[in-house]
Amino acid sequence: MTNPVTRQVIVAAAMTWLGTPYRHQASLRGVGCDCLGLLRGVWRELYGDEPEEMPAYTADWAEARGGDRFADAAGRHMASVPPEAAKTGDLLLFRWRENLPAKHAAILIAPDRFLHAQDGAAVATAALSPWWRRRVAFAFSFPGVTD
């Protein structure tokens, strides 16, 4: 994308995925995606090619490989921000329990709402309720974002 990447542009790009069915490993707007596929699709719209090739992965990829591979990959291409300082347009990574790696991604679309793809449901918005807020493990800003 040749235009500046603003938080408003990120949210607008993300919202075009609303209603896309959940499909493990997919990343095609309107056809199917998982939470990583949603992020990959928004990235492609904003920047063109994805920053690295995505290998195939199973549903238990994070637990099976150990470490915080999702956060490590995001950190290679995005700026880390403290989760409590995340702004609209930032990526949030969630962990289901404290001892597990982060393995769910969402894009913050408002201070108290996010967009995500969750198994068994189409891409949807959700409230950043206390339940979700407790599970935010990492936050990242897209590269070159202007406010």
Protein backbone atom coordinates (compact mmCIF):
# COMPACT_ATOMS: atom_id res chain seq x y z
CA MET A 1 0.00 0.00 0.00
CA THR A 2 1.43 3.37 -0.94
CA ASN A 3 -0.82 5.43 1.31
CA PRO A 4 0.11 5.98 4.96
CA VAL A 5 -0.94 3.20 7.31
CA THR A 6 -3.12 4.84 9.94
CA ARG A 7 -5.05 3.18 12.73
CA GLN A 8 -8.26 4.03 10.85
CA VAL A 9 -6.93 2.29 7.71
CA ILE A 10 -6.03 -0.83 9.72
CA VAL A 11 -9.48 -1.02 11.29
CA ALA A 12 -11.19 -0.44 7.92
CA ALA A 13 -9.11 -3.22 6.34
CA ALA A 14 -9.83 -5.59 9.23
CA MET A 15 -13.56 -4.92 9.18
CA THR A 16 -13.81 -6.08 5.55
CA TRP A 17 -13.18 -9.59 6.94
CA LEU A 18 -16.30 -9.47 9.13
CA GLY A 19 -18.43 -12.58 8.51
CA THR A 20 -15.65 -14.61 6.85
CA PRO A 21 -16.15 -18.24 7.91
CA TYR A 22 -13.60 -19.92 10.17
CA ARG A 23 -11.24 -22.21 8.25
CA HIS A 24 -8.06 -23.54 9.87
CA GLN A 25 -4.92 -22.25 8.04
CA ALA A 26 -6.96 -20.28 5.48
CA SER A 27 -6.52 -16.59 4.71
CA LEU A 28 -9.07 -15.61 2.05
CA ARG A 29 -11.52 -12.82 2.84
CA GLY A 30 -15.10 -13.99 2.44
CA VAL A 31 -13.99 -17.60 1.94
CA GLY A 32 -12.28 -18.59 5.18
CA CYS A 33 -9.61 -17.78 7.74
CA ASP A 34 -8.39 -18.54 11.20
CA CYS A 35 -7.07 -15.86 13.57
CA LEU A 36 -3.62 -15.93 11.97
CA GLY A 37 -5.16 -15.92 8.50
CA LEU A 38 -7.11 -12.79 9.42
CA LEU A 39 -3.89 -11.07 10.47
CA ARG A 40 -2.11 -12.27 7.32
CA GLY A 41 -4.91 -10.98 5.10
CA VAL A 42 -4.93 -7.56 6.73
CA TRP A 43 -1.12 -7.45 6.43
CA ARG A 44 -1.32 -8.20 2.68
CA GLU A 45 -3.84 -5.42 2.17
CA LEU A 46 -1.68 -2.93 4.06
CA TYR A 47 1.82 -3.92 2.90
CA GLY A 48 1.62 -6.38 0.01
CA ASP A 49 3.54 -9.62 0.43
CA GLU A 50 3.60 -11.34 3.80
CA PRO A 51 6.88 -10.80 5.67
CA GLU A 52 7.72 -14.50 5.94
CA GLU A 53 6.41 -17.80 4.63
CA MET A 54 3.88 -19.48 6.86
CA PRO A 55 4.45 -23.22 7.36
CA ALA A 56 1.52 -25.58 7.81
CA TYR A 57 0.42 -25.89 11.43
CA THR A 58 -1.83 -28.11 13.48
CA ALA A 59 -4.39 -26.99 16.05
CA ASP A 60 -1.91 -27.76 18.87
CA TRP A 61 1.08 -26.06 17.19
CA ALA A 62 1.83 -23.68 20.07
CA GLU A 63 1.81 -26.32 22.79
CA ALA A 64 3.69 -28.87 20.67
CA ARG A 65 6.58 -26.59 19.79
CA GLY A 66 6.95 -24.68 23.06
CA GLY A 67 7.98 -21.08 23.56
CA ASP A 68 5.91 -18.14 22.41
CA ARG A 69 6.40 -18.63 18.69
CA PHE A 70 3.43 -16.42 17.73
CA ALA A 71 4.80 -13.51 19.77
CA ASP A 72 8.32 -14.14 18.47
CA ALA A 73 7.08 -13.97 14.86
CA ALA A 74 5.03 -10.83 15.52
CA GLY A 75 8.05 -9.22 17.17
CA ARG A 76 10.15 -9.80 14.05
CA HIS A 77 7.83 -7.59 11.99
CA MET A 78 5.88 -5.38 14.36
CA ALA A 79 6.67 -3.06 17.27
CA SER A 80 5.94 -4.52 20.70
CA VAL A 81 3.81 -2.36 22.99
CA PRO A 82 2.73 -3.02 26.57
CA PRO A 83 -0.70 -4.69 26.41
CA GLU A 84 -2.22 -2.02 28.66
CA ALA A 85 -1.02 0.65 26.19
CA ALA A 86 -2.48 -1.03 23.08
CA LYS A 87 -4.38 1.34 20.79
CA THR A 88 -7.02 0.89 18.14
CA GLY A 89 -5.44 -0.89 15.17
CA ASP A 90 -2.95 -2.87 17.26
CA LEU A 91 -2.58 -6.65 17.27
CA LEU A 92 -3.47 -8.47 20.49
CA LEU A 93 -2.21 -11.96 21.29
CA PHE A 94 -4.04 -14.00 23.90
CA ARG A 95 -3.06 -17.00 25.97
CA TRP A 96 -5.81 -19.23 27.34
CA ARG A 97 -3.97 -19.98 30.59
CA GLU A 98 -0.92 -18.47 32.24
CA ASN A 99 1.30 -21.49 31.62
CA LEU A 100 0.41 -21.80 27.92
CA PRO A 101 1.88 -19.94 24.94
CA ALA A 102 -0.13 -17.21 23.24
CA LYS A 103 -2.05 -18.71 20.32
CA HIS A 104 -5.01 -16.47 19.55
CA ALA A 105 -4.83 -13.17 17.67
CA ALA A 106 -7.17 -10.24 17.27
CA ILE A 107 -7.07 -6.67 16.02
CA LEU A 108 -8.22 -3.96 18.41
CA ILE A 109 -10.91 -1.98 16.55
CA ALA A 110 -11.91 0.34 19.42
CA PRO A 111 -10.59 0.83 22.94
CA ASP A 112 -12.97 -1.86 24.22
CA ARG A 113 -13.63 -4.03 21.12
CA PHE A 114 -11.65 -6.35 18.89
CA LEU A 115 -12.10 -8.35 15.70
CA HIS A 116 -11.09 -12.01 15.58
CA ALA A 117 -11.64 -15.39 13.96
CA GLN A 118 -12.49 -18.11 16.44
CA ASP A 119 -13.00 -21.81 15.75
CA GLY A 120 -16.65 -22.58 15.06
CA ALA A 121 -17.64 -18.99 14.24
CA ALA A 122 -17.29 -16.43 11.48
CA VAL A 123 -14.97 -13.43 11.91
CA ALA A 124 -16.73 -11.21 14.44
CA THR A 125 -16.25 -8.35 16.83
CA ALA A 126 -16.21 -8.92 20.56
CA ALA A 127 -16.05 -6.81 23.69
CA LEU A 128 -12.68 -6.62 25.38
CA SER A 129 -14.37 -7.78 28.55
CA PRO A 130 -12.49 -8.54 31.77
CA TRP A 131 -12.36 -12.22 30.73
CA TRP A 132 -10.55 -11.36 27.47
CA ARG A 133 -8.47 -8.56 28.99
CA ARG A 134 -6.96 -10.98 31.53
CA ARG A 135 -5.79 -13.19 28.67
CA VAL A 136 -3.99 -10.52 26.62
CA ALA A 137 -0.35 -11.60 26.73
CA PHE A 138 1.19 -9.38 24.05
CA ALA A 139 0.36 -6.37 21.91
CA PHE A 140 2.05 -5.12 18.75
CA SER A 141 1.69 -2.13 16.45
CA PHE A 142 1.79 -2.55 12.70
CA PRO A 143 4.94 -1.10 11.10
CA GLY A 144 4.96 2.57 10.17
CA VAL A 145 1.58 3.33 11.75
CA THR A 146 0.66 6.98 12.05
CA ASP A 147 -2.12 8.02 14.41
